[in-house]
């Protein structure tokens, strides 16, 4: 191989390659002559190995079978109703209940939830859902609920729910700049699972992007996420799930079973379709999307809707 490269190079340069590389003019001039002839030249073998690896990955990418993303059955009327909730909101942010409704309209499993305006109503909602439940503050400007005491887990009785609701409203009211709390989200508690995150963002150059990675606190701490341009096909979704650095956590460690990878890829395909169907969605974060060995469940979601030119 080396002899072939040298022979090819000698057809394009005035001096023999070996003379250039090993003669009085030294290595830099030899590399310059090779580059001028369009022949890659590297100082260290590690650089050459990285170049070959990149070529191999590019070849695998271009050789993939290309198939159009098949449309999935969704409840468009339900999705439109959920998105309409941002119309009268100055922040253009969907309430958490509407965000979960939007996901459910696209066939994404969500934790059953109810909205309550006060602790007493939250107590009644919890009795309807069944215990244990999670209680969360709902406010237009609230992003990280736990930072201001806006979440209570594992509530087992109506009395616990009422007391926790009063505490949440007091704590969040003091922690928010405007002090405005819309109410409380009562949610059937979902235990176990591994936390992942799925999202949508819009790039000025590439358009809608679909995101996947490890969720919960790992998003900000590890930033272990990947992106693909929507619409994605099943092979793209499979690659996304498998290409994060922490995929071993999803495969299962210390005897834990692997998560349902088919369910995860299904959610990515549905989120991709959501991004295409509704260009008004500026951002979407499902965090966490809990992955189990037999399915997934979204327990928290944030959706921002872009303002229309008339707004």
Protein backbone atom coordinates (compact mmCIF):
# COMPACT_ATOMS: atom_id res chain seq x y z
CA UNK A 1 0.00 0.00 0.00
CA UNK A 2 2.78 2.40 0.91
CA UNK A 3 4.49 1.76 -2.45
CA UNK A 4 1.24 2.50 -4.28
CA UNK A 5 0.80 5.78 -2.44
CA UNK A 6 4.34 6.82 -3.20
CA UNK A 7 3.95 5.87 -6.88
CA UNK A 8 0.71 7.85 -7.14
CA UNK A 9 2.29 10.82 -5.44
CA UNK A 10 5.28 10.76 -7.77
CA UNK A 11 2.97 11.29 -10.73
CA UNK A 12 1.89 14.67 -9.31
CA UNK A 13 5.02 16.11 -7.75
CA UNK A 14 8.28 17.21 -9.33
CA UNK A 15 10.50 15.37 -6.87
CA UNK A 16 10.19 11.74 -5.77
CA UNK A 17 8.15 11.46 -2.62
CA UNK A 18 10.78 9.55 -0.70
CA UNK A 19 13.37 12.13 -1.58
CA UNK A 20 11.06 14.90 -0.39
CA UNK A 21 10.20 13.11 2.82
CA UNK A 22 13.65 11.93 3.69
CA UNK A 23 15.92 14.36 1.87
CA UNK A 24 17.41 17.66 2.84
CA UNK A 25 14.12 19.59 2.63
CA UNK A 26 12.67 17.65 5.55
CA UNK A 27 9.28 16.30 6.56
CA UNK A 28 7.20 19.53 6.46
CA UNK A 29 8.00 20.09 2.78
CA UNK A 30 7.23 16.46 2.02
CA UNK A 31 3.82 16.69 3.67
CA UNK A 32 3.12 19.92 1.81
CA UNK A 33 3.89 18.24 -1.53
CA UNK A 34 1.63 15.30 -0.70
CA UNK A 35 -1.21 17.61 0.34
CA UNK A 36 -0.75 19.62 -2.84
CA UNK A 37 -1.21 16.41 -4.83
CA UNK A 38 -4.40 15.61 -2.90
CA UNK A 39 -2.83 12.76 -0.93
CA UNK A 40 -3.46 12.61 2.84
CA UNK A 41 -0.31 12.78 4.94
CA UNK A 42 -0.11 12.49 8.71
CA UNK A 43 2.61 13.15 11.24
CA UNK A 44 1.44 10.45 13.66
CA UNK A 45 -0.25 7.08 13.00
CA UNK A 46 -3.01 7.92 15.49
CA UNK A 47 -4.17 10.78 13.26
CA UNK A 48 -4.26 8.47 10.26
CA UNK A 49 -6.27 5.91 12.24
CA UNK A 50 -8.82 8.58 13.24
CA UNK A 51 -9.13 9.63 9.60
CA UNK A 52 -9.75 6.04 8.48
CA UNK A 53 -12.28 5.60 11.27
CA UNK A 54 -14.16 8.71 10.13
CA UNK A 55 -14.21 7.41 6.55
CA UNK A 56 -15.59 4.09 7.76
CA UNK A 57 -18.36 5.78 9.76
CA UNK A 58 -19.21 7.95 6.75
CA UNK A 59 -19.40 4.86 4.55
CA UNK A 60 -21.69 3.07 7.00
CA UNK A 61 -23.91 6.15 7.20
CA UNK A 62 -24.28 6.56 3.44
CA UNK A 63 -24.87 2.82 2.96
CA UNK A 64 -27.84 2.74 5.31
CA UNK A 65 -31.19 1.82 3.74
CA UNK A 66 -33.27 4.95 3.22
CA UNK A 67 -36.97 4.60 3.97
CA UNK A 68 -39.55 7.31 4.42
CA UNK A 69 -40.94 7.80 7.91
CA UNK A 70 -44.38 6.19 7.93
CA UNK A 71 -47.13 8.38 9.43
CA UNK A 72 -48.37 7.12 12.79
CA UNK A 73 -51.99 7.21 13.99
CA UNK A 74 -52.54 10.19 16.29
CA UNK A 75 -55.46 12.09 17.78
CA UNK A 76 -55.10 15.43 16.00
CA UNK A 77 -58.19 16.99 17.55
CA UNK A 78 -56.94 16.20 21.05
CA UNK A 79 -53.50 17.60 20.19
CA UNK A 80 -54.99 20.83 18.80
CA UNK A 81 -57.07 21.27 21.96
CA UNK A 82 -54.00 20.83 24.15
CA UNK A 83 -51.96 23.33 22.11
CA UNK A 84 -54.78 25.86 22.28
CA UNK A 85 -53.97 26.19 25.99
CA UNK A 86 -50.98 28.37 25.12
CA UNK A 87 -53.15 30.98 23.39
CA UNK A 88 -54.03 32.99 26.48
CA UNK A 89 -50.68 32.46 28.16
CA UNK A 90 -48.23 35.38 28.03
CA UNK A 91 -45.24 33.01 28.25
CA UNK A 92 -46.63 30.77 25.44
CA UNK A 93 -45.93 27.83 27.72
CA UNK A 94 -48.39 24.96 28.02
CA UNK A 95 -49.52 23.95 31.46
CA UNK A 96 -48.09 20.61 32.52
CA UNK A 97 -51.46 18.90 32.22
CA UNK A 98 -51.89 20.23 28.65
CA UNK A 99 -48.31 19.16 27.81
CA UNK A 100 -49.04 15.62 28.98
CA UNK A 101 -52.31 15.69 27.03
CA UNK A 102 -50.36 16.62 23.90
CA UNK A 103 -48.07 13.63 24.38
CA UNK A 104 -51.00 11.30 25.00
CA UNK A 105 -52.63 12.54 21.78
CA UNK A 106 -49.55 11.30 19.94
CA UNK A 107 -49.68 7.88 21.56
CA UNK A 108 -46.95 8.45 24.14
CA UNK A 109 -47.78 6.81 27.50
CA UNK A 110 -48.12 9.36 30.31
CA UNK A 111 -48.74 9.16 34.04
CA UNK A 112 -52.39 9.78 34.86
CA UNK A 113 -52.80 13.30 36.26
CA UNK A 114 -55.38 15.82 37.48
CA UNK A 115 -55.23 19.59 37.98
CA UNK A 116 -56.44 21.11 41.25
CA UNK A 117 -56.79 24.76 42.20
CA UNK A 118 -56.31 24.24 45.95
CA UNK A 119 -55.18 21.59 48.48
CA UNK A 120 -58.73 20.38 49.19
CA UNK A 121 -59.46 19.74 45.52
CA UNK A 122 -56.06 18.06 45.22
CA UNK A 123 -57.06 15.72 48.03
CA UNK A 124 -60.23 14.72 46.20
CA UNK A 125 -58.32 14.19 42.95
CA UNK A 126 -55.83 11.96 44.71
CA UNK A 127 -58.63 9.79 46.08
CA UNK A 128 -59.94 9.40 42.52
CA UNK A 129 -56.54 8.52 41.06
CA UNK A 130 -55.54 6.11 43.81
CA UNK A 131 -52.55 6.25 46.14
CA UNK A 132 -49.62 6.82 46.26
CA UNK A 133 -49.56 10.12 44.39
CA UNK A 134 -47.13 12.90 43.53
CA UNK A 135 -48.03 16.53 44.07
CA UNK A 136 -46.43 19.28 41.96
CA UNK A 137 -46.78 23.05 41.85
CA UNK A 138 -48.09 24.55 38.62
CA UNK A 139 -46.99 28.09 37.72
CA UNK A 140 -46.35 29.80 34.36
CA UNK A 141 -42.82 30.90 35.30
CA UNK A 142 -41.81 27.77 37.23
CA UNK A 143 -39.18 25.57 35.55
CA UNK A 144 -37.33 23.59 38.23
CA UNK A 145 -40.01 22.69 40.77
CA UNK A 146 -37.74 20.91 43.24
CA UNK A 147 -35.52 23.99 43.61
CA UNK A 148 -38.35 25.91 45.29
CA UNK A 149 -40.00 23.06 47.20
CA UNK A 150 -42.64 22.47 44.55
CA UNK A 151 -42.77 18.65 44.59
CA UNK A 152 -43.91 16.04 47.13
CA UNK A 153 -43.57 12.32 46.48
CA UNK A 154 -45.24 9.20 47.87
CA UNK A 155 -48.31 10.79 49.44
CA UNK A 156 -50.51 7.99 50.80
CA UNK A 157 -53.67 9.61 52.22
CA UNK A 158 -56.02 12.53 51.45
CA UNK A 159 -54.80 14.29 54.61
CA UNK A 160 -51.18 14.02 53.50
CA UNK A 161 -52.12 15.46 50.12
CA UNK A 162 -53.96 18.42 51.63
CA UNK A 163 -51.12 19.21 54.02
CA UNK A 164 -48.46 18.85 51.32
CA UNK A 165 -50.49 21.03 48.97
CA UNK A 166 -50.64 23.86 51.48
CA UNK A 167 -46.88 23.59 52.08
CA UNK A 168 -46.13 23.64 48.35
CA UNK A 169 -48.28 26.70 47.69
CA UNK A 170 -46.59 28.55 50.55
CA UNK A 171 -43.03 27.56 49.57
CA UNK A 172 -43.41 28.20 45.85
CA UNK A 173 -45.26 31.46 46.42
CA UNK A 174 -42.23 32.74 48.31
CA UNK A 175 -39.69 31.30 45.85
CA UNK A 176 -41.12 32.70 42.62
CA UNK A 177 -40.33 36.28 41.61
CA UNK A 178 -43.97 37.07 40.88
CA UNK A 179 -45.34 34.74 43.56
CA UNK A 180 -48.08 33.47 41.22
CA UNK A 181 -49.03 29.80 41.50
CA UNK A 182 -51.81 28.51 39.25
CA UNK A 183 -52.55 25.38 41.26
CA UNK A 184 -51.41 21.83 41.88
CA UNK A 185 -50.88 18.83 39.64
CA UNK A 186 -51.89 15.55 41.23
CA UNK A 187 -50.25 12.60 39.55
CA UNK A 188 -50.35 8.88 40.14
CA UNK A 189 -46.87 7.98 41.34
CA UNK A 190 -44.73 5.94 38.95
CA UNK A 191 -41.87 4.09 40.67
CA UNK A 192 -38.72 2.58 39.23
CA UNK A 193 -37.54 2.86 35.66
CA UNK A 194 -34.48 4.56 34.26
CA UNK A 195 -34.69 8.26 33.55
CA UNK A 196 -34.32 9.36 29.95
CA UNK A 197 -35.13 12.61 28.17
CA UNK A 198 -36.74 13.23 24.80
CA UNK A 199 -37.16 16.63 23.23
CA UNK A 200 -37.72 18.93 20.28
CA UNK A 201 -35.81 22.09 19.38
CA UNK A 202 -35.63 24.29 16.28
CA UNK A 203 -32.35 25.20 14.62
CA UNK A 204 -32.21 28.12 12.16
CA UNK A 205 -30.14 26.05 9.71
CA UNK A 206 -31.41 22.48 10.18
CA UNK A 207 -35.01 23.04 11.27
CA UNK A 208 -36.70 20.69 13.75
CA UNK A 209 -34.36 18.53 15.80
CA UNK A 210 -35.22 15.47 17.92
CA UNK A 211 -33.18 14.90 21.09
CA UNK A 212 -32.60 11.80 23.21
CA UNK A 213 -30.39 11.14 26.23
CA UNK A 214 -30.17 10.28 29.88
CA UNK A 215 -32.76 12.25 31.83
CA UNK A 216 -33.37 13.60 35.30
CA UNK A 217 -30.37 15.31 36.86
CA UNK A 218 -28.08 13.60 34.33
CA UNK A 219 -29.13 16.02 31.57
CA UNK A 220 -27.35 19.01 33.08
CA UNK A 221 -24.60 17.05 34.84
CA UNK A 222 -23.50 14.74 32.01
CA UNK A 223 -25.03 16.34 28.90
CA UNK A 224 -25.25 12.84 27.42
CA UNK A 225 -27.68 13.62 24.59
CA UNK A 226 -27.83 13.12 20.82
CA UNK A 227 -29.75 14.95 18.09
CA UNK A 228 -31.19 14.08 14.69
CA UNK A 229 -32.96 16.21 12.11
CA UNK A 230 -36.69 15.45 11.90
CA UNK A 231 -38.35 13.55 10.39
CA UNK A 232 -36.44 10.50 11.54
CA UNK A 233 -36.91 6.91 10.40
CA UNK A 234 -36.81 3.79 12.61
CA UNK A 235 -33.10 3.24 11.96
CA UNK A 236 -32.38 6.81 13.09
CA UNK A 237 -34.34 6.25 16.30
CA UNK A 238 -32.48 2.99 16.94
CA UNK A 239 -29.12 4.72 16.40
CA UNK A 240 -30.06 7.57 18.73
CA UNK A 241 -30.91 5.26 21.61
CA UNK A 242 -27.74 3.22 21.10
CA UNK A 243 -25.31 6.11 20.52
CA UNK A 244 -25.41 7.84 23.92
CA UNK A 245 -22.39 7.25 26.15
CA UNK A 246 -24.54 5.88 28.98
CA UNK A 247 -26.29 3.21 26.93
CA UNK A 248 -24.91 0.59 29.34
CA UNK A 249 -27.32 1.95 31.97
CA UNK A 250 -30.20 1.17 29.63
CA UNK A 251 -28.80 -2.26 28.80
CA UNK A 252 -28.87 -3.07 32.52
CA UNK A 253 -26.12 -3.21 35.13
CA UNK A 254 -25.69 -5.47 38.14
CA UNK A 255 -28.40 -7.85 37.08
CA UNK A 256 -30.97 -5.20 36.13
CA UNK A 257 -32.97 -6.10 33.00
CA UNK A 258 -32.56 -4.00 29.85
CA UNK A 259 -35.13 -1.34 29.14
CA UNK A 260 -37.72 -1.66 26.40
CA UNK A 261 -35.68 -0.24 23.50
CA UNK A 262 -38.57 -0.73 21.09
CA UNK A 263 -40.77 1.50 23.26
CA UNK A 264 -38.06 4.18 23.40
CA UNK A 265 -37.60 4.21 19.62
CA UNK A 266 -41.38 4.36 19.23
CA UNK A 267 -41.52 7.50 21.37
CA UNK A 268 -38.76 9.11 19.30
CA UNK A 269 -40.68 8.45 16.09
CA UNK A 270 -43.84 9.94 17.55
CA UNK A 271 -42.00 13.01 18.85
CA UNK A 272 -40.47 13.41 15.39
CA UNK A 273 -43.91 13.40 13.82
CA UNK A 274 -45.12 15.87 16.44
CA UNK A 275 -42.30 18.23 15.46
CA UNK A 276 -43.26 18.03 11.79
CA UNK A 277 -47.02 18.25 12.31
CA UNK A 278 -46.81 21.28 14.62
CA UNK A 279 -44.14 23.77 13.53
CA UNK A 280 -45.51 26.17 16.13
CA UNK A 281 -43.87 24.06 18.86
CA UNK A 282 -40.60 25.88 19.57
CA UNK A 283 -39.37 23.59 22.33
CA UNK A 284 -40.48 20.36 23.96
CA UNK A 285 -38.82 18.47 26.81
CA UNK A 286 -40.08 15.20 28.23
CA UNK A 287 -37.99 14.78 31.35
CA UNK A 288 -38.07 12.28 32.76
CA UNK A 289 -39.36 9.69 30.36
CA UNK A 290 -39.12 6.62 32.56
CA UNK A 291 -37.96 3.51 30.70
CA UNK A 292 -38.97 0.09 32.03
CA UNK A 293 -38.34 -3.43 30.82
CA UNK A 294 -41.88 -3.50 29.42
CA UNK A 295 -42.62 0.04 28.26
CA UNK A 296 -42.12 3.72 29.01
CA UNK A 297 -44.00 6.43 30.88
CA UNK A 298 -43.73 10.22 30.64
CA UNK A 299 -44.16 11.90 34.02
CA UNK A 300 -43.14 15.48 33.29
CA UNK A 301 -43.18 17.63 30.16
CA UNK A 302 -42.52 21.22 29.13
CA UNK A 303 -43.80 22.72 25.86
CA UNK A 304 -43.13 26.22 24.51
CA UNK A 305 -45.20 27.47 21.58
CA UNK A 306 -43.76 30.11 19.28
CA UNK A 307 -45.65 33.35 18.94
CA UNK A 308 -47.43 33.90 15.65
CA UNK A 309 -46.71 37.07 13.63
CA UNK A 310 -50.06 38.51 14.72
CA UNK A 311 -49.25 38.15 18.45
